[in-house]
N, C-alpha and C. Protein backbone atom coordinates (compact mmCIF):
# COMPACT_ATOMS: atom_id res chain seq x y z
N UNK A 1 0.58 -1.02 0.37
CA UNK A 1 0.32 -0.40 0.04
C UNK A 1 1.10 1.27 -0.25
N UNK A 2 0.41 2.11 -1.13
CA UNK A 2 1.11 3.36 -1.04
C UNK A 2 1.36 4.05 0.49
N UNK A 3 2.14 5.25 0.60
CA UNK A 3 1.47 6.31 1.82
C UNK A 3 0.29 7.16 1.53
N UNK A 4 0.05 7.30 0.03
CA UNK A 4 -1.22 8.08 -0.03
C UNK A 4 -2.22 7.01 0.23
N UNK A 5 -2.01 5.59 -0.47
CA UNK A 5 -3.22 5.18 0.24
C UNK A 5 -3.24 5.04 1.91
N UNK A 6 -2.14 4.63 2.51
CA UNK A 6 -2.75 4.78 3.76
C UNK A 6 -2.90 5.98 4.18
N UNK A 7 -2.71 6.71 4.19
CA UNK A 7 -3.42 8.44 4.61
C UNK A 7 -5.04 8.22 3.66
N UNK A 8 -5.20 8.00 2.95
CA UNK A 8 -6.98 7.86 2.52
C UNK A 8 -7.45 7.08 3.34
N UNK A 9 -6.87 5.96 3.48
CA UNK A 9 -7.54 4.73 4.68
C UNK A 9 -7.58 5.53 6.11
N UNK A 10 -6.82 6.02 6.48
CA UNK A 10 -6.62 6.82 7.72
C UNK A 10 -7.93 7.84 7.96
N UNK A 11 -8.05 8.46 6.88
CA UNK A 11 -9.04 9.49 6.66
C UNK A 11 -10.28 9.07 6.79
N UNK A 12 -10.16 8.01 5.85
CA UNK A 12 -11.95 7.39 5.80
C UNK A 12 -12.55 6.41 7.23
N UNK A 13 -11.45 6.39 7.74
CA UNK A 13 -11.80 5.97 8.84
C UNK A 13 -12.51 6.74 10.14
N UNK A 14 -11.34 8.14 10.24
CA UNK A 14 -11.48 9.20 10.74
C UNK A 14 -12.87 9.69 10.87
N UNK A 15 -12.83 10.21 9.13
CA UNK A 15 -14.09 10.96 8.97
C UNK A 15 -15.01 10.44 8.97
N UNK A 16 -15.38 9.59 8.05
CA UNK A 16 -17.03 8.96 7.73
C UNK A 16 -17.88 9.67 7.44
N UNK A 17 -17.40 10.10 6.06
CA UNK A 17 -17.84 11.47 5.10
C UNK A 17 -19.30 10.77 5.01
N UNK A 18 -19.52 9.76 4.77
CA UNK A 18 -21.07 9.17 4.52
C UNK A 18 -21.68 8.83 5.35
N UNK A 19 -21.09 9.09 6.79
CA UNK A 19 -22.05 8.33 8.03
C UNK A 19 -21.78 6.84 8.03
N UNK A 20 -20.73 6.27 7.59
CA UNK A 20 -20.61 4.92 7.72
C UNK A 20 -20.53 4.11 8.93
N UNK A 21 -20.92 3.12 9.05
CA UNK A 21 -21.34 2.40 10.27
C UNK A 21 -20.07 1.78 10.87
N UNK A 22 -19.60 1.24 12.00
CA UNK A 22 -18.26 0.71 12.43
C UNK A 22 -18.21 -0.46 11.25
N UNK A 23 -19.63 -1.39 11.37
CA UNK A 23 -19.40 -2.38 10.51
C UNK A 23 -18.89 -2.24 9.06
N UNK A 24 -19.13 -1.00 8.28
CA UNK A 24 -19.12 -0.69 7.34
C UNK A 24 -17.46 -0.41 7.05
N UNK A 25 -17.49 0.50 7.86
CA UNK A 25 -15.75 0.65 8.10
C UNK A 25 -14.88 -0.75 8.28
N UNK A 26 -15.40 -1.27 9.10
CA UNK A 26 -13.89 -2.94 9.25
C UNK A 26 -14.61 -3.71 7.90
N UNK A 27 -15.71 -3.37 7.09
CA UNK A 27 -15.59 -4.58 5.45
C UNK A 27 -14.95 -3.64 4.77
N UNK A 28 -14.99 -2.70 5.00
CA UNK A 28 -14.15 -1.75 3.73
C UNK A 28 -12.82 -1.71 4.04
N UNK A 29 -12.14 -2.00 5.33
CA UNK A 29 -10.62 -2.42 5.47
C UNK A 29 -10.29 -3.82 5.15
N UNK A 30 -11.65 -4.82 5.54
CA UNK A 30 -11.06 -6.22 5.27
C UNK A 30 -11.27 -6.09 3.49
N UNK A 31 -12.03 -5.40 2.97
CA UNK A 31 -12.22 -5.77 1.81
C UNK A 31 -10.75 -5.32 0.95
N UNK A 32 -10.19 -4.10 1.34
CA UNK A 32 -8.61 -3.56 1.17
C UNK A 32 -7.77 -4.67 1.40
N UNK A 33 -7.49 -5.15 2.46
CA UNK A 33 -6.89 -6.09 2.90
C UNK A 33 -6.61 -7.47 2.11
N UNK A 34 -7.78 -7.96 2.04
CA UNK A 34 -8.29 -9.33 1.02
C UNK A 34 -7.89 -8.66 -0.35
N UNK A 35 -7.57 -7.66 -0.63
CA UNK A 35 -6.85 -7.36 -1.97
C UNK A 35 -5.13 -7.47 -2.19
N UNK A 36 -4.85 -6.52 -0.93
CA UNK A 36 -3.72 -6.04 -0.71
C UNK A 36 -3.47 -6.50 0.90
N UNK A 37 -2.88 -7.54 0.94
CA UNK A 37 -2.89 -7.90 2.65
C UNK A 37 -1.82 -6.60 3.24
N UNK A 38 -2.39 -5.77 4.45
CA UNK A 38 -1.85 -5.09 4.73
C UNK A 38 -0.38 -5.30 5.75
N UNK A 39 0.65 -4.74 5.92
CA UNK A 39 1.30 -4.98 6.45
C UNK A 39 1.53 -4.71 7.98
N UNK A 40 2.32 -5.33 9.04
CA UNK A 40 1.88 -4.72 10.23
C UNK A 40 2.09 -3.27 10.77
N UNK A 41 3.10 -2.79 10.00
CA UNK A 41 2.91 -1.41 10.19
C UNK A 41 1.97 -0.94 9.75
N UNK A 42 0.96 -1.02 8.67
CA UNK A 42 0.17 -0.76 8.33
C UNK A 42 -0.87 -0.37 9.48
N UNK A 43 -1.30 -2.06 9.89
CA UNK A 43 -2.29 -2.20 11.06
C UNK A 43 -1.86 -0.94 11.67
N UNK A 44 -0.68 -0.90 12.54
CA UNK A 44 -0.82 -0.33 13.64
C UNK A 44 -0.85 1.33 13.06
N UNK A 45 -0.70 1.63 11.90
CA UNK A 45 -0.90 3.27 11.53
C UNK A 45 -2.64 3.68 11.53
N UNK A 46 -3.29 2.57 11.00
CA UNK A 46 -4.73 2.92 11.73
C UNK A 46 -5.13 2.57 13.53
N UNK A 47 -4.49 2.26 13.74
CA UNK A 47 -5.33 2.86 15.52
C UNK A 47 -5.25 3.99 15.48
N UNK A 48 -4.53 5.15 15.04
CA UNK A 48 -4.53 6.27 15.19
C UNK A 48 -5.74 7.15 15.02
N UNK A 49 -6.12 7.00 13.85
CA UNK A 49 -7.74 7.76 13.77
C UNK A 49 -8.88 6.65 14.36
N UNK A 50 -8.68 5.24 14.74
CA UNK A 50 -10.05 4.43 15.70
C UNK A 50 -9.76 5.33 16.92
N UNK A 51 -8.43 5.27 17.54
CA UNK A 51 -8.31 5.60 19.22
C UNK A 51 -8.70 7.14 19.61
N UNK A 52 -8.44 7.95 18.75
CA UNK A 52 -8.91 9.52 19.34
C UNK A 52 -10.32 9.39 18.78
N UNK A 53 -10.82 8.98 17.89
CA UNK A 53 -12.14 8.85 17.61
C UNK A 53 -12.89 8.40 18.37
N UNK A 54 -12.28 7.38 18.98
CA UNK A 54 -13.34 6.73 20.15
C UNK A 54 -14.07 5.34 19.46
N UNK A 55 -13.58 5.12 18.39
CA UNK A 55 -14.20 4.29 17.45
C UNK A 55 -13.68 2.59 18.15
N UNK A 56 -14.00 2.05 19.06
CA UNK A 56 -13.81 0.99 20.05
C UNK A 56 -14.07 -0.80 18.91
N UNK A 57 -15.05 -0.41 18.33
CA UNK A 57 -15.14 -1.91 17.52
C UNK A 57 -14.16 -1.68 16.49
N UNK A 58 -14.14 -0.27 16.00
CA UNK A 58 -12.85 -0.74 14.82
C UNK A 58 -11.80 -1.02 15.43
N UNK A 59 -11.16 0.03 16.67
CA UNK A 59 -10.07 -0.22 16.99
C UNK A 59 -9.79 -1.92 17.34
N UNK A 60 -11.10 -2.40 18.30
CA UNK A 60 -10.47 -3.84 18.36
C UNK A 60 -10.46 -4.61 17.28
N UNK A 61 -11.15 -4.79 15.85
CA UNK A 61 -10.31 -5.20 14.63
C UNK A 61 -9.31 -5.47 13.72
N UNK A 62 -9.13 -3.93 14.56
CA UNK A 62 -7.33 -3.73 13.97
C UNK A 62 -6.59 -4.17 14.99
N UNK A 63 -6.65 -4.17 16.11
CA UNK A 63 -6.01 -5.07 17.24
C UNK A 63 -5.99 -6.35 17.28
N UNK A 64 -6.81 -7.22 16.76
CA UNK A 64 -6.99 -8.22 16.05
C UNK A 64 -6.08 -9.14 14.90
N UNK A 65 -5.50 -7.85 14.04
CA UNK A 65 -4.83 -8.07 13.18
C UNK A 65 -3.60 -7.50 13.25
N UNK A 66 -3.09 -7.38 14.73
CA UNK A 66 -1.57 -7.05 14.95
C UNK A 66 -1.14 -8.21 15.91
N UNK A 67 0.04 -8.55 15.29
CA UNK A 67 0.57 -9.83 16.09
C UNK A 67 1.23 -9.16 17.31
N UNK A 68 1.78 -7.91 17.55
CA UNK A 68 2.74 -7.62 18.47
C UNK A 68 2.41 -6.00 18.67
N UNK A 69 1.76 -5.44 19.17
CA UNK A 69 1.36 -4.20 19.26
C UNK A 69 2.29 -3.36 20.24
N UNK A 70 3.07 -2.93 19.38
CA UNK A 70 4.01 -1.20 19.80
C UNK A 70 3.49 0.31 20.25
N UNK A 71 4.38 0.60 20.90
CA UNK A 71 3.89 2.01 21.18
C UNK A 71 2.89 2.16 21.97
N UNK A 72 2.42 1.50 22.72
CA UNK A 72 1.30 1.38 24.05
C UNK A 72 1.19 2.80 24.33
N UNK A 73 1.54 3.39 24.97
CA UNK A 73 1.99 4.97 25.67
C UNK A 73 1.41 5.33 24.80
N UNK A 74 1.99 5.64 23.46
CA UNK A 74 1.94 6.86 22.42
C UNK A 74 0.60 6.90 21.97
N UNK A 75 -0.25 5.72 21.73
CA UNK A 75 -1.34 5.46 21.47
C UNK A 75 -2.25 5.67 22.28
N UNK A 76 -2.10 5.55 23.78
CA UNK A 76 -2.98 5.82 25.06
C UNK A 76 -2.81 7.38 25.33
N UNK A 77 -1.68 8.04 24.87
CA UNK A 77 -1.94 9.40 24.81
C UNK A 77 -2.34 9.90 23.69
N UNK A 78 -2.36 9.47 22.36
CA UNK A 78 -3.12 9.87 21.23
C UNK A 78 -4.83 9.71 21.64
N UNK A 79 -5.13 8.88 22.17
CA UNK A 79 -6.54 8.63 23.14
C UNK A 79 -7.23 9.89 23.43
N UNK A 80 -6.16 10.24 24.56
CA UNK A 80 -6.71 11.55 25.33
C UNK A 80 -6.78 12.76 24.52
N UNK A 81 -5.76 12.80 23.60
CA UNK A 81 -5.25 13.87 22.86
C UNK A 81 -6.58 14.94 22.71
N UNK A 82 -6.43 16.22 23.35
CA UNK A 82 -7.75 17.05 22.67
C UNK A 82 -8.88 16.90 23.65
N UNK A 83 -9.46 17.78 23.22
CA UNK A 83 -11.03 17.89 24.59
C UNK A 83 -12.18 17.75 23.78
N UNK A 84 -12.67 16.60 24.04
CA UNK A 84 -13.83 15.60 23.45
C UNK A 84 -14.81 15.36 24.34
N UNK A 85 -15.18 15.86 25.16
CA UNK A 85 -16.41 15.15 26.19
C UNK A 85 -17.15 14.51 25.43
N UNK A 86 -17.48 14.60 24.21
CA UNK A 86 -18.70 14.26 23.99
C UNK A 86 -18.43 12.41 23.82
N UNK A 87 -17.42 11.68 23.59
CA UNK A 87 -16.95 10.65 23.62
C UNK A 87 -16.23 10.23 24.52
N UNK A 88 -15.86 10.51 26.29
CA UNK A 88 -15.22 10.00 26.53
C UNK A 88 -15.41 8.28 27.50
N UNK A 89 -16.79 8.06 27.05
CA UNK A 89 -16.89 6.99 27.48
C UNK A 89 -16.34 5.68 26.34
N UNK A 90 -16.27 6.14 25.19
CA UNK A 90 -15.97 5.46 24.09
C UNK A 90 -14.07 5.75 24.45
N UNK A 91 -13.65 7.02 24.79
CA UNK A 91 -12.34 6.83 24.97
C UNK A 91 -12.03 6.04 26.02
N UNK A 92 -12.49 6.10 26.90
CA UNK A 92 -12.15 5.39 28.02
C UNK A 92 -12.28 3.72 27.60
N UNK A 93 -13.33 2.99 26.96
CA UNK A 93 -13.16 1.66 26.73
C UNK A 93 -11.67 1.55 25.71
N UNK A 94 -11.40 2.18 24.77
CA UNK A 94 -10.08 2.22 24.09
C UNK A 94 -8.99 2.03 24.86
N UNK A 95 -8.79 2.87 26.05
CA UNK A 95 -7.85 3.07 26.96
C UNK A 95 -7.98 1.88 27.51
N UNK A 96 -9.49 1.31 27.97
CA UNK A 96 -9.14 -0.16 28.59
C UNK A 96 -8.19 -1.30 28.01
N UNK A 97 -8.95 -1.27 26.37
CA UNK A 97 -8.55 -1.90 25.08
C UNK A 97 -7.09 -1.89 25.59
N UNK A 98 -6.08 -1.01 25.46
CA UNK A 98 -5.17 -0.42 25.52
C UNK A 98 -4.02 -1.05 26.85
N UNK A 99 -4.66 -1.11 27.50
CA UNK A 99 -4.12 -1.05 28.93
C UNK A 99 -4.35 -2.88 29.27
N UNK A 100 -4.94 -3.63 28.19
CA UNK A 100 -4.16 -5.37 28.39
C UNK A 100 -3.03 -5.12 27.83
N UNK A 101 -2.44 -4.51 27.29
CA UNK A 101 -1.37 -4.85 26.61
C UNK A 101 0.14 -3.86 27.39
N UNK A 102 -0.53 -3.72 28.40
CA UNK A 102 0.78 -3.24 29.39
C UNK A 102 1.55 -4.02 30.03
N UNK A 103 2.79 -4.11 29.78
CA UNK A 103 3.41 -4.73 30.66
C UNK A 103 4.76 -4.13 31.39
N UNK A 104 5.32 -3.57 30.76
CA UNK A 104 6.70 -2.60 31.94
C UNK A 104 6.40 -1.66 31.66
N UNK A 105 6.57 -0.64 32.46
CA UNK A 105 6.55 0.48 33.09
C UNK A 105 5.00 1.07 32.84
N UNK A 106 3.98 0.63 33.59
CA UNK A 106 2.66 0.31 33.49
C UNK A 106 2.28 1.89 33.82
N UNK A 107 3.13 1.80 35.36
CA UNK A 107 2.30 3.24 36.25
C UNK A 107 2.82 4.26 35.09
N UNK A 108 3.71 4.32 35.07
CA UNK A 108 4.47 5.71 33.83
C UNK A 108 3.68 5.94 32.63
N UNK A 109 3.34 4.90 32.19
CA UNK A 109 2.56 5.30 30.62
C UNK A 109 1.21 5.40 31.22
N UNK A 110 0.48 4.94 32.59
CA UNK A 110 -0.54 5.71 32.83
C UNK A 110 -0.59 7.15 33.65
N UNK A 111 0.62 7.48 34.17
CA UNK A 111 1.30 8.82 34.76
C UNK A 111 0.81 9.58 33.19
N UNK A 112 1.89 9.61 32.55
CA UNK A 112 2.22 10.16 31.62
C UNK A 112 0.81 10.81 31.07
N UNK A 113 -0.22 9.62 30.47
CA UNK A 113 -1.88 9.74 29.70
C UNK A 113 -2.57 10.57 30.80
N UNK A 114 -2.42 10.33 31.81
CA UNK A 114 -2.93 10.97 33.23
C UNK A 114 -2.79 12.78 33.01
N UNK A 115 -1.62 12.91 32.75
CA UNK A 115 -1.19 14.51 32.36
C UNK A 115 -1.46 14.81 30.96
N UNK A 116 -1.67 13.86 30.04
CA UNK A 116 -2.08 14.51 28.56
C UNK A 116 -3.88 14.97 28.99
N UNK A 117 -4.48 13.97 29.60
CA UNK A 117 -5.76 14.05 29.76
C UNK A 117 -6.23 14.89 30.62
N UNK A 118 -5.00 15.65 31.78
CA UNK A 118 -5.73 16.60 32.74
C UNK A 118 -5.14 17.30 32.35
N UNK A 119 -4.41 17.52 30.91
CA UNK A 119 -3.80 19.33 30.13
C UNK A 119 -5.01 19.35 29.39
N UNK A 120 -5.94 18.38 28.91
CA UNK A 120 -7.19 19.12 28.26
C UNK A 120 -8.81 18.92 28.97
N UNK A 121 -8.42 19.12 30.33
CA UNK A 121 -9.76 18.79 31.24
C UNK A 121 -9.98 17.88 31.46
N UNK A 122 -9.93 16.68 30.78
CA UNK A 122 -11.11 15.83 31.13
C UNK A 122 -10.60 14.49 32.29
N UNK A 123 -11.74 15.06 33.10
CA UNK A 123 -11.80 15.26 34.36
C UNK A 123 -11.88 13.30 34.52
N UNK A 124 -13.09 13.09 34.23
CA UNK A 124 -13.43 11.67 34.01
C UNK A 124 -12.36 10.70 33.66
N UNK A 125 -11.07 11.23 32.47
CA UNK A 125 -10.79 10.06 32.38
C UNK A 125 -9.37 9.96 32.99
N UNK A 126 -9.23 11.66 33.42
CA UNK A 126 -8.06 11.44 34.90
C UNK A 126 -8.55 10.29 35.95
N UNK A 127 -9.63 10.68 36.48
CA UNK A 127 -9.97 9.64 37.59
C UNK A 127 -10.00 8.51 37.00
N UNK A 128 -10.70 7.95 35.78
CA UNK A 128 -10.48 6.39 35.42
C UNK A 128 -8.82 5.83 35.49
N UNK A 129 -7.97 7.16 35.15
CA UNK A 129 -7.01 6.76 35.20
C UNK A 129 -6.36 6.01 36.59
N UNK A 130 -6.51 7.36 37.48
CA UNK A 130 -6.00 7.09 38.85
C UNK A 130 -6.71 5.78 39.47
N UNK A 131 -8.02 5.59 39.29
CA UNK A 131 -8.49 4.20 39.66
C UNK A 131 -7.64 2.85 39.23
N UNK A 132 -6.86 3.10 37.62
CA UNK A 132 -6.29 1.94 37.31
C UNK A 132 -4.73 2.02 37.58
N UNK A 133 -4.03 3.11 38.38
CA UNK A 133 -3.00 2.41 38.99
C UNK A 133 -2.04 4.19 38.46
N UNK A 134 -2.63 5.05 37.79
CA UNK A 134 -1.84 5.86 37.58
C UNK A 134 -1.79 7.06 38.99
N UNK A 135 -0.86 7.39 39.69
CA UNK A 135 -0.58 8.11 40.49
C UNK A 135 -0.94 9.74 40.20
N UNK A 136 -1.97 10.18 41.54
CA UNK A 136 -2.08 11.33 41.29
C UNK A 136 -1.14 12.72 41.77
N UNK A 137 -0.26 12.25 42.15
CA UNK A 137 1.04 13.23 42.78
C UNK A 137 2.25 13.16 41.45
N UNK A 138 1.88 12.43 40.33
CA UNK A 138 3.06 12.28 39.65
C UNK A 138 3.16 13.69 39.08
N UNK A 139 4.20 13.85 38.79
CA UNK A 139 4.97 15.38 37.76
C UNK A 139 5.83 15.02 36.78
N UNK A 140 5.57 15.28 35.56
CA UNK A 140 6.33 15.37 35.00
C UNK A 140 7.98 15.93 34.70
N UNK A 141 8.68 15.85 34.20
CA UNK A 141 10.20 16.17 34.43
C UNK A 141 10.29 18.14 34.79
N UNK A 142 9.36 18.51 33.65
CA UNK A 142 8.84 19.63 33.92
C UNK A 142 8.72 20.53 34.86
N UNK A 143 8.13 19.67 35.82
CA UNK A 143 7.13 20.08 37.01
C UNK A 143 5.70 20.22 37.03
N UNK A 144 5.10 19.41 35.70
CA UNK A 144 3.82 19.63 35.52
C UNK A 144 2.96 18.45 36.04
N UNK A 145 1.72 18.64 37.20
CA UNK A 145 1.30 17.71 37.61
C UNK A 145 -0.39 18.08 37.31
N UNK A 146 -1.22 17.39 38.26
CA UNK A 146 -2.87 17.37 38.05
C UNK A 146 -3.27 19.10 38.40
N UNK A 147 -2.31 19.58 39.51
CA UNK A 147 -2.62 21.06 39.87
C UNK A 147 -2.61 22.46 38.66
N UNK A 148 -0.85 21.73 38.27
CA UNK A 148 -0.97 22.43 37.42
C UNK A 148 -1.77 22.75 36.13
N UNK A 149 -1.89 21.37 35.73
CA UNK A 149 -3.38 21.54 34.61
C UNK A 149 -4.65 21.68 35.16
N UNK A 150 -4.90 21.59 35.96
CA UNK A 150 -6.36 22.53 36.33
C UNK A 150 -6.33 23.88 36.52
N UNK A 151 -4.77 24.20 36.85
CA UNK A 151 -5.05 25.96 36.90
C UNK A 151 -5.19 26.56 35.15
N UNK A 152 -4.93 25.72 34.11
CA UNK A 152 -4.80 25.64 32.93
C UNK A 152 -6.09 25.53 32.10
N UNK A 153 -6.67 24.89 32.80
CA UNK A 153 -7.79 24.06 32.17
C UNK A 153 -8.94 25.13 32.82
N UNK A 154 -8.93 25.68 34.06
CA UNK A 154 -9.69 26.90 34.72
C UNK A 154 -9.88 28.08 33.44
N UNK A 155 -8.48 28.70 33.81
CA UNK A 155 -8.46 29.77 32.80
C UNK A 155 -8.73 29.99 31.65
N UNK A 156 -8.03 28.48 30.67
CA UNK A 156 -8.53 28.56 29.43
C UNK A 156 -9.59 28.41 28.92
N UNK A 157 -10.33 27.02 29.73
CA UNK A 157 -11.61 26.41 29.68
C UNK A 157 -12.72 27.21 30.01
N UNK A 158 -12.74 27.63 30.97
CA UNK A 158 -13.57 28.02 32.14
C UNK A 158 -13.91 26.74 32.90
N UNK A 159 -13.23 25.69 33.25
CA UNK A 159 -13.78 24.57 33.93
C UNK A 159 -12.79 24.16 35.05
N UNK A 160 -13.80 24.33 35.95
CA UNK A 160 -13.10 23.72 37.43
C UNK A 160 -13.56 22.50 37.75
N UNK A 161 -13.48 22.07 36.83
CA UNK A 161 -13.80 20.28 37.33
C UNK A 161 -13.13 19.51 38.02
N UNK A 162 -11.47 19.26 37.31
CA UNK A 162 -10.73 18.85 37.36
C UNK A 162 -9.80 19.60 38.68
N UNK A 163 -9.88 21.16 39.00
CA UNK A 163 -9.28 21.57 40.20
C UNK A 163 -10.33 20.94 41.14
N UNK A 164 -11.43 20.79 41.10
CA UNK A 164 -12.58 20.12 42.39
C UNK A 164 -12.21 18.82 42.69
N UNK A 165 -11.87 18.19 41.28
CA UNK A 165 -11.38 16.84 41.79
C UNK A 165 -10.23 16.40 42.91
N UNK A 166 -9.19 17.52 42.51
CA UNK A 166 -8.18 17.34 43.53
C UNK A 166 -8.15 17.59 44.11
N UNK A 167 -8.72 18.66 44.55
CA UNK A 167 -9.39 19.08 45.98
C UNK A 167 -10.03 18.12 47.12
N UNK A 168 -11.15 17.45 46.15
CA UNK A 168 -11.81 16.77 47.13
C UNK A 168 -10.98 15.07 47.10
N UNK A 169 -10.08 14.51 46.54
CA UNK A 169 -9.37 13.62 46.75
C UNK A 169 -8.05 13.79 46.59
N UNK A 170 -7.47 14.71 48.02
CA UNK A 170 -6.16 14.51 48.57
C UNK A 170 -5.77 13.63 49.21
C-alpha cells in the first residue's frame, strides 16, 4: 500500500464522510486487506484514527490483526489528546483495550496519559486512570502535575471540574 493510500484509509476511518457505520468501515478495511494484505506497520498506522475518535469496535478489529502491539504509551496519549467530552465513554473503553497490552512501565504510561488528559481538562478520564493505577501526585520532568493542569484548564476553558476533583481527593 502506498503512503497516499494508507493516508486515504486513515482519513476514511476518521472522517466517515458518508456516515458509515463501524461495520461498514470494518468491511471496507477487510476488502482492502483481502485485495492487498496490509503489513503489520500499516495495521499499526490504522490505530491512530480509531483511538482518538473513540471507535472502539474498529480498534478491536484492528488490534485483532496485529501480532505484537508496539508503542502502547503513544496510542494511549493519542487517545486522550484534545478536549472532547462527547466521546469520553468511548475513549475510556479504548484505554481499557490498550491497558490489556501494558506490561513494562505500566504506572509510567498511566501517569503520562493522565497528564495528557488533565492538560485538556478531561476529568473523567483522569479519574479513570487514577482508579487504574496512575499516581495523582505524579509530575513530569518539567514539574507539570494535576494541579498545574487544573489551573490551565480553569483559565483556558473556564472549567473547574479537575480542580474540584483534586481538592476532593487529596
